[in-house]
Amino acid sequence: MHTEVLTKITEFDGEWEFLSNFYPSKITYNSITYPTVEHAFQAQKTLDDKHRQRIAAYAKPNQAKVAGGRLKLRPDWEEVKYQIMVDLVRLKFKIPRLKKLLLSTGDAKLIEGNWWNDTTWGVCGGRGKNWLGKIEMQVREELGGFGAPKREHRVRVKK
């Protein structure tokens, strides 16, 4: 068995897919149960529970994302969207299996690398604010994950 120290996770796919907001993670927020964080986040763009229920019912997170993009945004969206994401990520990683996976990242820097030009929640082409990565690192620390033990398995060090 080989011991590794992860320094950076630069994409939320493959082994790290569980870090994506599209990953199955049944959560309840504002009395509605959603299949993923993406569903829940998109639904919060409106204050209308009928629209929220409709978004929660979509089979796939990309459908929820498209529907969220078509909503008339609630008046306070720009002020509340970051806290909503924090709340949703906290709920996701209360799920025991997902909590364990998040903690297994140790103190690696989490970077939501993407190709779809999301420079608010992630990083594209080396540019971006990486808010999702920062929020997940914050939640990991809240769960006691900062300075977590080294992971034991194959070497995957990215510098």
Protein backbone atom coordinates (compact mmCIF):
# COMPACT_ATOMS: atom_id res chain seq x y z
CA MET A 1 0.00 0.00 0.00
CA HIS A 2 1.35 3.38 -0.96
CA THR A 3 0.76 6.51 1.10
CA GLU A 4 0.08 9.76 -0.71
CA VAL A 5 -0.49 13.35 0.22
CA LEU A 6 -2.98 15.02 -2.09
CA THR A 7 -2.12 18.64 -2.69
CA LYS A 8 -4.78 19.57 -5.23
CA ILE A 9 -7.95 18.17 -6.81
CA THR A 10 -8.55 20.13 -10.00
CA GLU A 11 -11.71 18.54 -11.43
CA PHE A 12 -14.83 17.18 -9.81
CA ASP A 13 -15.14 14.08 -11.98
CA GLY A 14 -13.93 10.50 -12.02
CA GLU A 15 -12.74 9.58 -8.52
CA TRP A 16 -13.73 13.07 -7.35
CA GLU A 17 -17.19 13.18 -8.95
CA PHE A 18 -18.80 13.20 -5.50
CA LEU A 19 -17.59 16.83 -5.12
CA SER A 20 -19.80 17.94 -8.03
CA ASN A 21 -23.18 19.55 -7.37
CA PHE A 22 -24.55 17.13 -9.99
CA TYR A 23 -23.66 14.10 -7.82
CA PRO A 24 -26.66 12.22 -6.34
CA SER A 25 -27.16 13.57 -2.82
CA LYS A 26 -30.74 13.59 -1.61
CA ILE A 27 -31.20 16.67 0.57
CA THR A 28 -34.18 18.55 1.96
CA TYR A 29 -34.10 22.34 1.91
CA ASN A 30 -37.02 24.67 2.66
CA SER A 31 -39.29 21.62 3.09
CA ILE A 32 -38.62 20.23 -0.41
CA THR A 33 -36.47 17.17 -1.11
CA TYR A 34 -34.06 17.43 -4.04
CA PRO A 35 -32.00 14.68 -5.71
CA THR A 36 -28.86 16.85 -5.99
CA VAL A 37 -27.39 20.12 -4.75
CA GLU A 38 -27.77 21.45 -8.30
CA HIS A 39 -31.53 20.87 -8.20
CA ALA A 40 -31.81 22.59 -4.82
CA PHE A 41 -29.61 25.53 -5.80
CA GLN A 42 -31.47 26.21 -9.04
CA ALA A 43 -34.82 26.00 -7.24
CA GLN A 44 -33.77 28.68 -4.75
CA LYS A 45 -33.58 31.23 -7.56
CA THR A 46 -37.33 31.66 -7.08
CA LEU A 47 -39.55 32.08 -4.05
CA ASP A 48 -42.42 30.22 -5.77
CA ASP A 49 -42.82 26.73 -4.25
CA LYS A 50 -44.59 25.45 -7.38
CA HIS A 51 -41.50 26.24 -9.45
CA ARG A 52 -39.27 24.75 -6.76
CA GLN A 53 -41.30 21.51 -6.76
CA ARG A 54 -41.11 21.35 -10.55
CA ILE A 55 -37.32 21.71 -10.48
CA ALA A 56 -37.05 19.07 -7.73
CA ALA A 57 -38.95 16.63 -9.96
CA TYR A 58 -36.52 16.75 -12.89
CA ALA A 59 -34.73 13.44 -13.45
CA LYS A 60 -31.34 14.98 -14.19
CA PRO A 61 -29.39 17.90 -12.70
CA ASN A 62 -28.68 19.42 -16.11
CA GLN A 63 -32.46 19.70 -16.63
CA ALA A 64 -32.72 21.52 -13.29
CA LYS A 65 -29.90 23.84 -14.32
CA VAL A 66 -31.63 24.75 -17.58
CA ALA A 67 -34.93 25.33 -15.74
CA GLY A 68 -33.19 27.50 -13.15
CA GLY A 69 -31.67 29.58 -15.91
CA ARG A 70 -35.14 30.37 -17.24
CA LEU A 71 -36.56 31.58 -13.93
CA LYS A 72 -37.15 35.20 -13.08
CA LEU A 73 -34.63 35.64 -10.28
CA ARG A 74 -35.85 36.49 -6.81
CA PRO A 75 -35.03 40.12 -5.92
CA ASP A 76 -32.38 39.24 -3.33
CA TRP A 77 -30.64 36.50 -5.36
CA GLU A 78 -27.25 38.20 -5.63
CA GLU A 79 -27.19 38.77 -1.87
CA VAL A 80 -28.28 35.26 -0.82
CA LYS A 81 -26.86 32.84 -3.40
CA TYR A 82 -23.50 32.27 -1.69
CA GLN A 83 -25.05 31.52 1.71
CA ILE A 84 -27.56 29.22 0.03
CA MET A 85 -24.69 27.29 -1.55
CA VAL A 86 -22.98 27.00 1.86
CA ASP A 87 -26.23 25.68 3.38
CA LEU A 88 -26.69 23.14 0.58
CA VAL A 89 -23.10 21.89 0.66
CA ARG A 90 -23.36 21.45 4.44
CA LEU A 91 -26.51 19.37 3.96
CA LYS A 92 -24.88 17.25 1.26
CA PHE A 93 -21.89 16.38 3.40
CA LYS A 94 -24.05 15.45 6.39
CA ILE A 95 -24.78 12.28 4.41
CA PRO A 96 -22.39 9.84 6.14
CA ARG A 97 -20.92 8.26 2.98
CA LEU A 98 -20.32 11.65 1.37
CA LYS A 99 -18.88 13.08 4.59
CA LYS A 100 -16.37 10.25 4.68
CA LEU A 101 -15.43 10.88 1.05
CA LEU A 102 -15.01 14.62 1.63
CA LEU A 103 -12.82 14.00 4.67
CA SER A 104 -10.75 11.56 2.59
CA THR A 105 -9.51 14.54 0.56
CA GLY A 106 -7.41 15.56 3.56
CA ASP A 107 -6.31 19.16 3.17
CA ALA A 108 -6.02 19.08 -0.62
CA LYS A 109 -7.02 22.28 -2.37
CA LEU A 110 -10.39 21.67 -4.07
CA ILE A 111 -10.74 23.36 -7.46
CA GLU A 112 -13.91 23.02 -9.49
CA GLY A 113 -12.14 23.01 -12.87
CA ASN A 114 -14.51 23.21 -15.81
CA TRP A 115 -14.73 23.82 -19.54
CA TRP A 116 -18.10 25.63 -19.55
CA ASN A 117 -16.69 29.01 -18.52
CA ASP A 118 -17.98 29.04 -14.95
CA THR A 119 -15.54 31.41 -13.30
CA THR A 120 -17.76 32.19 -10.32
CA TRP A 121 -18.23 28.72 -8.80
CA GLY A 122 -15.16 27.20 -10.46
CA VAL A 123 -12.09 27.78 -12.59
CA CYS A 124 -11.91 27.70 -16.38
CA GLY A 125 -8.72 28.25 -18.36
CA GLY A 126 -6.82 29.08 -15.18
CA ARG A 127 -9.22 31.86 -14.20
CA GLY A 128 -12.02 31.87 -11.68
CA LYS A 129 -13.13 32.54 -8.13
CA ASN A 130 -13.70 28.84 -7.30
CA TRP A 131 -16.47 29.54 -4.78
CA LEU A 132 -17.69 25.92 -4.82
CA GLY A 133 -14.21 24.62 -4.07
CA LYS A 134 -13.75 27.19 -1.30
CA ILE A 135 -17.12 26.32 0.25
CA GLU A 136 -16.35 22.59 0.16
CA MET A 137 -12.98 23.21 1.84
CA GLN A 138 -14.74 25.29 4.52
CA VAL A 139 -17.30 22.53 5.12
CA ARG A 140 -14.52 19.91 5.23
CA GLU A 141 -12.78 21.96 7.93
CA GLU A 142 -16.05 22.35 9.87
CA LEU A 143 -16.39 18.56 9.81
CA GLY A 144 -12.94 18.17 11.30
CA GLY A 145 -11.15 17.45 8.05
CA PHE A 146 -8.36 20.00 8.05
CA GLY A 147 -5.07 18.20 8.33
CA ALA A 148 -6.80 14.84 7.95
CA PRO A 149 -4.57 11.78 7.72
CA LYS A 150 -2.87 10.83 4.49
CA ARG A 151 -4.88 8.66 2.14
CA GLU A 152 -3.58 5.21 1.47
CA HIS A 153 -3.88 3.97 -2.10
CA ARG A 154 -2.39 4.71 -5.52
CA VAL A 155 -0.37 7.86 -6.02
CA ARG A 156 -2.27 10.77 -7.61
CA VAL A 157 -0.32 13.87 -6.67
CA LYS A 158 -1.00 17.00 -8.72
CA LYS A 159 1.12 20.05 -8.08
